[in-house]
Amino acid sequence: MAYRNEQLNEEKVFKDPVHRYVHIRDRVIWDLVGAPEFQRLRRIKQLGTSYLTFHGAEHSRFNHSLGVYEIVRRIIYNFEDRPNWNPEDRLLILCAALLHDLGHGPFSHSFEKVFKLDHEDFTQQILLGDTTINAILKKVENGFPQKVADVINKTYENKLIVSLISSQIDADRMDYLQRDAYFTGVSYGHFDMERILRVMRPMEDQVVVKESGMHAVEDYIMSRYQMYWQVYFHPVTRSAEVILSKILHRAKELHENDYAFKLKPTHFLSFFAEKPTLKEYLELDEAVTMYYFQIWMNEDDPILSDLCERFVNRRLFKYIEFNPNHQMNEWMELFRLFQKAGLNPDYYLVVDSSSDLPYDFYRPGEEEERLPIHLLMPNQELKELSRQSEIVESISGKKRTDHKLYFPLDRLEELSSRSKTKKRILEILYR
């Protein structure tokens, strides 16, 4: 148990552009930061392909993980000596905050969809498997890795601990909104975090906010709404994600058809089979992925070569508003016309949809994250946020969905000016 309480000889600090400093005093936290599985997060971008839209968005999962740790550290500092807070939980929630994104892979969500993976499964494997992270956590106590895994997996018995890093107002969101706004250069993600931290109070099963801090929480909710539509769902970023996804699909399809790659895609073989080991998963980061993309630019397969060249050199697909639910006839006609024009519609005609629910009530049977934000009134009564805030009420429960159709306009323009196929395609796309 000595490791649980062991402190460094002097406090270590990371200079941080968002929080000014990240402070570390616990030996276990310092050792976890130095572990190879955590250092790997330096090689995974926080915002995936967003750097092709916002040139400053080069920050990593490593940056973000330290930021979430720092916010939680400040929250529990304010919780000291308050009812419902157990100081024995301090190290557990600090470790969970630091390690919550440990299993993210290269280009995260796009990568997961193609190869049918879940980064949360790999987070659990890193925490509980034969890793340096697991060995460090075991020094606290034998069952400690499982406790950290349970908090991150939202199955830990103490829901107050879980809510600090996974709820509708948590340290994870508070960090990425501010950090992503800073690195993309937009103003949408800014809100008064210091005020929110000061008015947070621990309850039995979740963190609540004093009623006097309601306006700061309103600002946070609106920041989240704006960031999703102005940054995370930006159509140019989504164009890059479409191409990235199609590259991986094409490489997988070629492998399954025994295509002879000029360079054997060693790092991808287990992913093509959808059965990567933990070791293979950890060895594939974004630097390795981009290396293959550059190699594949010179492949004989024209589709793989073209898609890789587009991604590497940022020649992205154009897009239009297009709802397949209401435009199915047009979609089917475009599909046939693209085939006729020699453009494989499976790779060059792509509908992409994004949807978001900025704030919602808890609904029985749905994920814990829907637990609403509660305000602590002066009489100690709890009231759900949207019942007190007209701003939050106006967007509460309202799911917004956006559909886009992506295609290579440059390839269409290369078709003969006399081509009836070209003319008809452009008529449909730009009517």
Protein backbone atom coordinates (compact mmCIF):
# COMPACT_ATOMS: atom_id res chain seq x y z
CA MET A 1 0.00 0.00 0.00
CA ALA A 2 3.05 2.29 0.25
CA TYR A 3 2.85 2.98 -3.49
CA ARG A 4 -0.69 4.34 -3.03
CA ASN A 5 0.62 7.17 -0.86
CA GLU A 6 4.09 7.58 -2.33
CA GLN A 7 4.83 11.16 -3.41
CA LEU A 8 7.59 12.49 -5.65
CA ASN A 9 10.42 14.37 -3.98
CA GLU A 10 9.17 17.49 -5.71
CA GLU A 11 6.11 18.30 -7.77
CA LYS A 12 6.42 17.79 -11.53
CA VAL A 13 4.63 20.18 -13.88
CA PHE A 14 3.75 20.10 -17.57
CA LYS A 15 3.33 23.49 -19.22
CA ASP A 16 -0.09 23.43 -20.84
CA PRO A 17 -1.62 25.97 -23.26
CA VAL A 18 -5.14 25.40 -21.91
CA HIS A 19 -4.71 24.91 -18.15
CA ARG A 20 -1.36 26.73 -17.81
CA TYR A 21 0.13 23.88 -15.75
CA VAL A 22 -0.57 20.20 -15.13
CA HIS A 23 0.59 19.27 -11.62
CA ILE A 24 1.80 15.79 -10.60
CA ARG A 25 2.81 14.75 -7.07
CA ASP A 26 1.86 11.05 -7.00
CA ARG A 27 4.54 8.53 -7.95
CA VAL A 28 1.98 6.26 -9.64
CA ILE A 29 0.72 9.07 -11.92
CA TRP A 30 4.27 10.03 -12.90
CA ASP A 31 5.12 6.40 -13.70
CA LEU A 32 1.93 5.95 -15.75
CA VAL A 33 2.76 9.00 -17.86
CA GLY A 34 6.15 7.45 -18.64
CA ALA A 35 4.72 4.05 -19.61
CA PRO A 36 5.09 3.16 -23.33
CA GLU A 37 1.35 2.55 -23.74
CA PHE A 38 0.68 6.10 -22.55
CA GLN A 39 3.54 7.66 -24.52
CA ARG A 40 2.00 6.08 -27.63
CA LEU A 41 -0.85 8.61 -27.31
CA ARG A 42 1.59 11.28 -28.51
CA ARG A 43 1.32 9.56 -31.91
CA ILE A 44 -2.50 9.64 -32.06
CA LYS A 45 -4.12 12.97 -32.97
CA GLN A 46 -6.97 14.10 -30.75
CA LEU A 47 -9.02 15.32 -33.73
CA GLY A 48 -8.19 12.73 -36.38
CA THR A 49 -8.45 14.28 -39.84
CA SER A 50 -9.43 17.77 -38.59
CA TYR A 51 -5.89 19.02 -39.22
CA LEU A 52 -6.80 19.00 -42.92
CA THR A 53 -9.49 21.60 -42.15
CA PHE A 54 -7.96 23.51 -39.21
CA HIS A 55 -4.21 23.55 -39.70
CA GLY A 56 -3.51 24.02 -35.98
CA ALA A 57 -5.35 20.86 -34.95
CA GLU A 58 -2.20 18.76 -34.55
CA HIS A 59 -2.63 18.11 -30.81
CA SER A 60 -2.62 14.56 -29.48
CA ARG A 61 -4.54 12.23 -27.21
CA PHE A 62 -1.56 12.62 -24.88
CA ASN A 63 -2.29 16.36 -24.49
CA HIS A 64 -5.95 15.71 -23.84
CA SER A 65 -5.38 12.90 -21.33
CA LEU A 66 -3.12 15.10 -19.22
CA GLY A 67 -5.77 17.83 -19.41
CA VAL A 68 -8.56 15.57 -18.16
CA TYR A 69 -6.31 14.44 -15.31
CA GLU A 70 -5.62 18.07 -14.36
CA ILE A 71 -9.31 19.03 -14.34
CA VAL A 72 -10.17 16.05 -12.13
CA ARG A 73 -7.27 16.95 -9.83
CA ARG A 74 -8.74 20.44 -9.40
CA ILE A 75 -12.28 19.12 -8.90
CA ILE A 76 -11.33 16.76 -6.10
CA TYR A 77 -9.14 19.43 -4.49
CA ASN A 78 -12.36 21.47 -4.16
CA PHE A 79 -14.20 18.39 -2.86
CA GLU A 80 -11.90 17.91 0.14
CA ASP A 81 -13.82 17.85 3.43
CA ARG A 82 -17.20 17.98 1.65
CA PRO A 83 -19.97 15.49 2.46
CA ASN A 84 -20.32 12.50 0.09
CA TRP A 85 -16.64 12.65 -0.92
CA ASN A 86 -14.33 9.83 0.18
CA PRO A 87 -10.64 10.89 0.04
CA GLU A 88 -9.74 7.22 -0.46
CA ASP A 89 -11.12 7.50 -4.01
CA ARG A 90 -8.64 10.23 -4.98
CA LEU A 91 -5.97 8.08 -6.64
CA LEU A 92 -8.55 5.88 -8.37
CA ILE A 93 -10.27 8.74 -10.17
CA LEU A 94 -6.95 10.43 -11.01
CA CYS A 95 -5.69 7.25 -12.69
CA ALA A 96 -8.99 6.72 -14.52
CA ALA A 97 -8.95 10.32 -15.77
CA LEU A 98 -5.39 9.99 -17.04
CA LEU A 99 -5.96 6.63 -18.75
CA HIS A 100 -9.53 6.99 -20.07
CA ASP A 101 -8.46 7.28 -23.76
CA LEU A 102 -5.64 4.74 -23.62
CA GLY A 103 -7.11 2.44 -26.29
CA HIS A 104 -7.62 4.93 -29.11
CA GLY A 105 -6.12 3.87 -32.42
CA PRO A 106 -4.93 5.85 -35.45
CA PHE A 107 -7.61 8.23 -36.73
CA SER A 108 -9.80 6.73 -34.02
CA HIS A 109 -13.44 6.42 -35.06
CA SER A 110 -12.99 6.05 -38.83
CA PHE A 111 -10.45 3.29 -38.22
CA GLU A 112 -12.73 1.50 -35.76
CA LYS A 113 -15.70 1.42 -38.14
CA VAL A 114 -13.77 -0.18 -41.00
CA PHE A 115 -12.15 -2.92 -38.93
CA LYS A 116 -15.06 -3.42 -36.52
CA LEU A 117 -13.02 -2.46 -33.46
CA ASP A 118 -13.85 -0.64 -30.25
CA HIS A 119 -11.18 1.50 -28.59
CA GLU A 120 -12.86 0.93 -25.22
CA ASP A 121 -12.18 -2.81 -25.53
CA PHE A 122 -8.50 -2.07 -26.10
CA THR A 123 -8.43 0.34 -23.17
CA GLN A 124 -9.62 -2.54 -21.00
CA GLN A 125 -7.01 -4.89 -22.49
CA ILE A 126 -4.19 -2.41 -21.82
CA LEU A 127 -5.34 -1.90 -18.24
CA LEU A 128 -5.79 -5.60 -17.48
CA GLY A 129 -3.29 -7.31 -19.81
CA ASP A 130 0.44 -7.94 -19.75
CA THR A 131 1.45 -4.29 -20.03
CA THR A 132 3.61 -1.74 -18.25
CA ILE A 133 0.43 0.16 -17.31
CA ASN A 134 -1.01 -2.91 -15.61
CA ALA A 135 2.23 -3.57 -13.71
CA ILE A 136 2.29 0.02 -12.41
CA LEU A 137 -1.36 -0.06 -11.31
CA LYS A 138 -0.82 -3.39 -9.52
CA LYS A 139 1.77 -1.71 -7.30
CA VAL A 140 -1.09 0.22 -5.69
CA GLU A 141 -2.92 -3.05 -4.94
CA ASN A 142 -3.68 -6.24 -6.84
CA GLY A 143 -7.27 -5.35 -7.67
CA PHE A 144 -6.50 -1.73 -8.58
CA PRO A 145 -6.24 -2.23 -12.39
CA GLN A 146 -9.75 -3.74 -12.38
CA LYS A 147 -11.12 -0.80 -10.38
CA VAL A 148 -9.63 1.69 -12.85
CA ALA A 149 -11.02 -0.36 -15.75
CA ASP A 150 -14.48 -0.40 -14.15
CA VAL A 151 -14.52 3.37 -13.67
CA ILE A 152 -13.57 3.94 -17.33
CA ASN A 153 -16.08 1.29 -18.45
CA LYS A 154 -18.80 3.03 -16.37
CA THR A 155 -19.48 -0.17 -14.38
CA TYR A 156 -17.86 0.88 -11.10
CA GLU A 157 -20.21 0.75 -8.11
CA ASN A 158 -19.56 4.36 -7.08
CA LYS A 159 -21.39 6.36 -9.78
CA LEU A 160 -20.11 9.66 -8.37
CA ILE A 161 -16.58 8.62 -9.41
CA VAL A 162 -17.79 7.57 -12.86
CA SER A 163 -19.65 10.87 -13.41
CA LEU A 164 -16.45 12.89 -13.04
CA ILE A 165 -15.14 11.55 -16.36
CA SER A 166 -18.33 10.29 -18.04
CA SER A 167 -21.51 12.36 -17.80
CA GLN A 168 -23.13 15.33 -19.50
CA ILE A 169 -20.80 17.66 -17.61
CA ASP A 170 -17.49 15.91 -17.01
CA ALA A 171 -13.76 16.54 -17.07
CA ASP A 172 -13.39 14.78 -20.43
CA ARG A 173 -15.74 17.17 -22.23
CA MET A 174 -14.53 20.23 -20.36
CA ASP A 175 -10.99 19.55 -21.54
CA TYR A 176 -11.62 18.60 -25.16
CA LEU A 177 -13.98 21.50 -25.82
CA GLN A 178 -11.42 24.04 -24.64
CA ARG A 179 -8.40 22.24 -26.06
CA ASP A 180 -9.94 21.64 -29.47
CA ALA A 181 -11.11 25.26 -29.62
CA TYR A 182 -7.59 26.46 -28.78
CA PHE A 183 -5.85 24.34 -31.41
CA THR A 184 -8.42 24.90 -34.15
CA GLY A 185 -8.40 28.64 -33.49
CA VAL A 186 -12.18 28.98 -33.08
CA SER A 187 -13.97 30.87 -30.32
CA TYR A 188 -16.92 28.51 -29.83
CA GLY A 189 -15.45 26.19 -27.20
CA HIS A 190 -14.68 28.74 -24.52
CA PHE A 191 -16.62 28.83 -21.27
CA ASP A 192 -15.91 29.69 -17.62
CA MET A 193 -14.53 26.38 -16.41
CA GLU A 194 -13.09 27.85 -13.20
CA ARG A 195 -16.57 29.00 -12.22
CA ILE A 196 -18.04 25.57 -12.94
CA LEU A 197 -15.36 23.83 -10.86
CA ARG A 198 -16.06 26.16 -7.94
CA VAL A 199 -19.80 25.41 -7.93
CA MET A 200 -19.57 21.63 -8.42
CA ARG A 201 -20.69 19.56 -5.45
CA PRO A 202 -20.42 15.79 -4.85
CA MET A 203 -23.67 13.91 -4.26
CA GLU A 204 -24.21 10.20 -3.72
CA ASP A 205 -24.45 9.18 -7.39
CA GLN A 206 -23.31 12.19 -9.43
CA VAL A 207 -21.77 15.63 -9.40
CA VAL A 208 -24.29 18.48 -9.19
CA VAL A 209 -23.89 22.21 -9.72
CA LYS A 210 -24.98 24.99 -7.39
CA GLU A 211 -27.88 26.98 -8.83
CA SER A 212 -25.75 30.13 -8.74
CA GLY A 213 -23.51 28.57 -11.42
CA MET A 214 -26.32 27.87 -13.89
CA HIS A 215 -25.25 30.51 -16.41
CA ALA A 216 -21.72 29.07 -16.59
CA VAL A 217 -23.26 25.66 -17.32
CA GLU A 218 -25.51 27.18 -20.00
CA ASP A 219 -22.38 28.59 -21.62
CA TYR A 220 -20.74 25.15 -21.48
CA ILE A 221 -23.77 23.45 -23.12
CA MET A 222 -23.86 26.02 -25.92
CA SER A 223 -20.09 25.70 -26.42
CA ARG A 224 -20.54 21.98 -26.89
CA TYR A 225 -23.37 22.53 -29.39
CA GLN A 226 -21.31 24.99 -31.44
CA MET A 227 -18.12 22.90 -31.40
CA TYR A 228 -19.90 19.82 -32.74
CA TRP A 229 -21.37 21.62 -35.74
CA GLN A 230 -18.56 24.06 -36.46
CA VAL A 231 -15.57 21.77 -35.80
CA TYR A 232 -16.29 18.08 -35.18
CA PHE A 233 -18.87 17.75 -37.98
CA HIS A 234 -17.22 20.20 -40.36
CA PRO A 235 -17.99 18.97 -43.91
CA VAL A 236 -14.36 19.27 -45.06
CA THR A 237 -13.19 17.12 -42.15
CA ARG A 238 -15.91 14.63 -42.98
CA SER A 239 -14.68 14.57 -46.59
CA ALA A 240 -11.23 13.59 -45.36
CA GLU A 241 -12.76 10.92 -43.12
CA VAL A 242 -14.72 9.52 -46.08
CA ILE A 243 -11.52 9.19 -48.13
CA LEU A 244 -9.63 7.71 -45.16
CA SER A 245 -12.37 5.14 -44.64
CA LYS A 246 -12.42 4.24 -48.34
CA ILE A 247 -8.62 3.79 -48.39
CA LEU A 248 -8.85 1.25 -45.58
CA HIS A 249 -11.83 -0.49 -47.20
CA ARG A 250 -9.99 -0.70 -50.53
CA ALA A 251 -6.78 -2.05 -49.00
CA LYS A 252 -8.80 -4.67 -47.11
CA GLU A 253 -10.72 -5.65 -50.25
CA LEU A 254 -7.51 -5.97 -52.28
CA HIS A 255 -5.93 -8.15 -49.61
CA GLU A 256 -8.97 -10.42 -49.53
CA ASN A 257 -8.70 -10.80 -53.32
CA ASP A 258 -5.02 -11.80 -53.06
CA TYR A 259 -3.74 -8.58 -54.61
CA ALA A 260 0.06 -8.44 -54.65
CA PHE A 261 1.04 -5.26 -52.81
CA LYS A 262 4.44 -3.84 -53.77
CA LEU A 263 5.19 -3.66 -50.05
CA LYS A 264 3.56 -6.29 -47.87
CA PRO A 265 1.17 -4.42 -45.51
CA THR A 266 2.52 -6.24 -42.47
CA HIS A 267 1.07 -3.88 -39.87
CA PHE A 268 -2.43 -4.19 -41.35
CA LEU A 269 -2.70 -7.95 -41.86
CA SER A 270 -4.30 -8.71 -38.50
CA PHE A 271 -6.65 -5.74 -38.95
CA PHE A 272 -7.74 -7.01 -42.37
CA ALA A 273 -8.62 -10.25 -40.57
CA GLU A 274 -10.33 -8.16 -37.84
CA LYS A 275 -8.35 -10.02 -35.18
CA PRO A 276 -5.43 -7.83 -34.06
CA THR A 277 -3.64 -8.81 -30.88
CA LEU A 278 -3.00 -6.12 -28.29
CA LYS A 279 0.67 -5.99 -29.34
CA GLU A 280 -0.28 -5.52 -33.01
CA TYR A 281 -2.84 -2.88 -32.09
CA LEU A 282 -0.32 -0.85 -30.08
CA GLU A 283 2.25 -1.02 -32.90
CA LEU A 284 -0.06 0.69 -35.42
CA ASP A 285 -0.08 4.45 -34.84
CA GLU A 286 -0.73 7.37 -37.19
CA ALA A 287 2.89 7.70 -38.29
CA VAL A 288 2.92 4.07 -39.45
CA THR A 289 -0.50 4.45 -41.09
CA MET A 290 0.62 7.54 -43.04
CA TYR A 291 3.76 5.70 -44.15
CA TYR A 292 1.59 3.03 -45.79
CA PHE A 293 -0.63 5.67 -47.38
CA GLN A 294 2.42 7.25 -49.02
CA ILE A 295 3.65 3.85 -50.22
CA TRP A 296 0.18 3.01 -51.58
CA MET A 297 0.18 6.19 -53.68
CA ASN A 298 2.44 4.22 -56.03
CA GLU A 299 0.38 1.02 -56.10
CA ASP A 300 -0.88 -0.36 -59.42
CA ASP A 301 -4.48 -0.39 -58.22
CA PRO A 302 -5.86 2.93 -59.54
CA ILE A 303 -8.48 3.35 -56.81
CA LEU A 304 -6.12 2.79 -53.86
CA SER A 305 -3.46 4.94 -55.47
CA ASP A 306 -5.86 7.79 -56.20
CA LEU A 307 -7.48 7.77 -52.77
CA CYS A 308 -4.11 7.78 -50.98
CA GLU A 309 -2.83 10.63 -53.14
CA ARG A 310 -5.98 12.60 -52.33
CA PHE A 311 -5.59 12.09 -48.60
CA VAL A 312 -1.85 12.74 -48.41
CA ASN A 313 -2.01 15.84 -50.62
CA ARG A 314 -5.42 17.08 -49.42
CA ARG A 315 -7.34 16.77 -52.69
CA LEU A 316 -10.62 16.09 -50.98
CA PHE A 317 -14.07 15.26 -52.31
CA LYS A 318 -16.63 18.01 -52.87
CA TYR A 319 -20.02 17.77 -51.21
CA ILE A 320 -23.66 18.83 -51.46
CA GLU A 321 -26.62 18.59 -49.10
CA PHE A 322 -28.26 15.24 -49.84
CA ASN A 323 -30.78 13.29 -47.79
CA PRO A 324 -30.93 9.67 -48.98
CA ASN A 325 -34.22 9.18 -47.14
CA HIS A 326 -35.89 11.69 -49.44
CA GLN A 327 -33.72 11.39 -52.56
CA MET A 328 -33.45 7.64 -53.08
CA ASN A 329 -34.36 7.81 -56.79
CA GLU A 330 -31.64 10.38 -57.43
CA TRP A 331 -29.18 8.26 -55.46
CA MET A 332 -29.91 5.16 -57.54
CA GLU A 333 -29.61 7.11 -60.78
CA LEU A 334 -26.31 8.66 -59.68
CA PHE A 335 -25.02 5.20 -58.75
CA ARG A 336 -25.72 3.91 -62.28
CA LEU A 337 -24.30 7.05 -63.92
CA PHE A 338 -21.06 6.85 -61.93
CA GLN A 339 -20.64 3.23 -63.03
CA LYS A 340 -21.20 4.31 -66.63
CA ALA A 341 -18.61 7.08 -66.25
CA GLY A 342 -16.01 4.60 -65.01
CA LEU A 343 -16.09 5.84 -61.40
CA ASN A 344 -16.68 3.06 -58.89
CA PRO A 345 -19.59 4.44 -56.81
CA ASP A 346 -18.59 2.27 -53.85
CA TYR A 347 -15.55 4.53 -53.48
CA TYR A 348 -16.45 7.76 -55.25
CA LEU A 349 -20.10 8.38 -54.32
CA VAL A 350 -20.55 8.46 -50.57
CA VAL A 351 -23.38 9.63 -48.33
CA ASP A 352 -22.21 10.65 -44.85
CA SER A 353 -24.55 11.55 -42.00
CA SER A 354 -23.77 13.22 -38.68
CA SER A 355 -26.11 13.72 -35.75
CA ASP A 356 -25.83 15.19 -32.28
CA LEU A 357 -27.94 15.56 -29.15
CA PRO A 358 -26.35 18.39 -27.15
CA TYR A 359 -28.33 17.77 -23.98
CA ASP A 360 -30.96 15.21 -23.02
CA PHE A 361 -32.87 13.75 -20.11
CA TYR A 362 -32.11 10.33 -18.76
CA ARG A 363 -34.32 7.70 -20.36
CA PRO A 364 -34.73 4.26 -18.75
CA GLY A 365 -32.65 1.60 -20.48
CA GLU A 366 -30.29 4.07 -22.17
CA GLU A 367 -26.66 4.77 -21.40
CA GLU A 368 -25.62 6.42 -18.13
CA GLU A 369 -24.32 9.42 -20.04
CA ARG A 370 -27.90 10.63 -20.44
CA LEU A 371 -28.16 11.27 -16.68
CA PRO A 372 -29.25 14.93 -16.65
CA ILE A 373 -27.37 17.78 -15.03
CA HIS A 374 -28.90 18.75 -11.71
CA LEU A 375 -28.80 22.12 -10.01
CA LEU A 376 -28.50 22.31 -6.23
CA MET A 377 -30.99 24.94 -5.09
CA PRO A 378 -30.45 27.15 -2.00
CA ASN A 379 -32.91 24.96 -0.06
CA GLN A 380 -30.77 21.88 -0.99
CA GLU A 381 -33.43 20.59 -3.41
CA LEU A 382 -32.21 19.21 -6.76
CA LYS A 383 -33.74 20.48 -10.00
CA GLU A 384 -32.97 19.27 -13.52
CA LEU A 385 -31.11 21.92 -15.55
CA SER A 386 -33.56 22.41 -18.43
CA ARG A 387 -36.42 23.07 -15.96
CA GLN A 388 -34.56 26.13 -14.73
CA SER A 389 -32.81 27.29 -17.91
CA GLU A 390 -34.79 28.51 -20.92
CA ILE A 391 -31.63 28.35 -23.04
CA VAL A 392 -31.00 24.67 -22.28
CA GLU A 393 -34.71 23.85 -22.50
CA SER A 394 -34.77 25.22 -26.06
CA ILE A 395 -32.26 22.61 -27.29
CA SER A 396 -32.99 19.80 -24.84
CA GLY A 397 -33.88 16.48 -26.44
CA LYS A 398 -33.61 17.90 -29.95
CA LYS A 399 -31.51 15.65 -32.18
CA ARG A 400 -30.05 17.35 -35.24
CA THR A 401 -28.96 15.29 -38.24
CA ASP A 402 -27.02 16.48 -41.27
CA HIS A 403 -26.58 14.53 -44.53
CA LYS A 404 -23.94 15.19 -47.18
CA LEU A 405 -23.08 13.51 -50.49
CA TYR A 406 -19.35 13.37 -51.28
CA PHE A 407 -17.84 12.91 -54.75
CA PRO A 408 -14.69 13.78 -56.79
CA LEU A 409 -15.73 16.81 -58.82
CA ASP A 410 -12.32 16.92 -60.53
CA ARG A 411 -12.87 13.44 -61.98
CA LEU A 412 -16.30 14.46 -63.28
CA GLU A 413 -14.85 17.56 -64.90
CA GLU A 414 -12.31 15.40 -66.72
CA LEU A 415 -15.10 13.66 -68.61
CA SER A 416 -15.72 14.83 -72.17
CA SER A 417 -17.76 18.02 -72.44
CA ARG A 418 -19.97 16.15 -74.90
CA SER A 419 -20.68 13.36 -72.48
CA LYS A 420 -24.39 12.98 -71.74
CA THR A 421 -23.45 11.05 -68.60
CA LYS A 422 -21.40 13.97 -67.29
CA LYS A 423 -24.18 16.43 -68.08
CA ARG A 424 -26.81 14.34 -66.29
CA ILE A 425 -24.62 13.77 -63.22
CA LEU A 426 -23.99 17.51 -62.84
CA GLU A 427 -27.68 18.25 -63.37
CA ILE A 428 -28.60 16.02 -60.44
CA LEU A 429 -25.80 17.26 -58.20
CA TYR A 430 -26.25 20.97 -58.82
CA ARG A 431 -29.92 21.43 -59.71
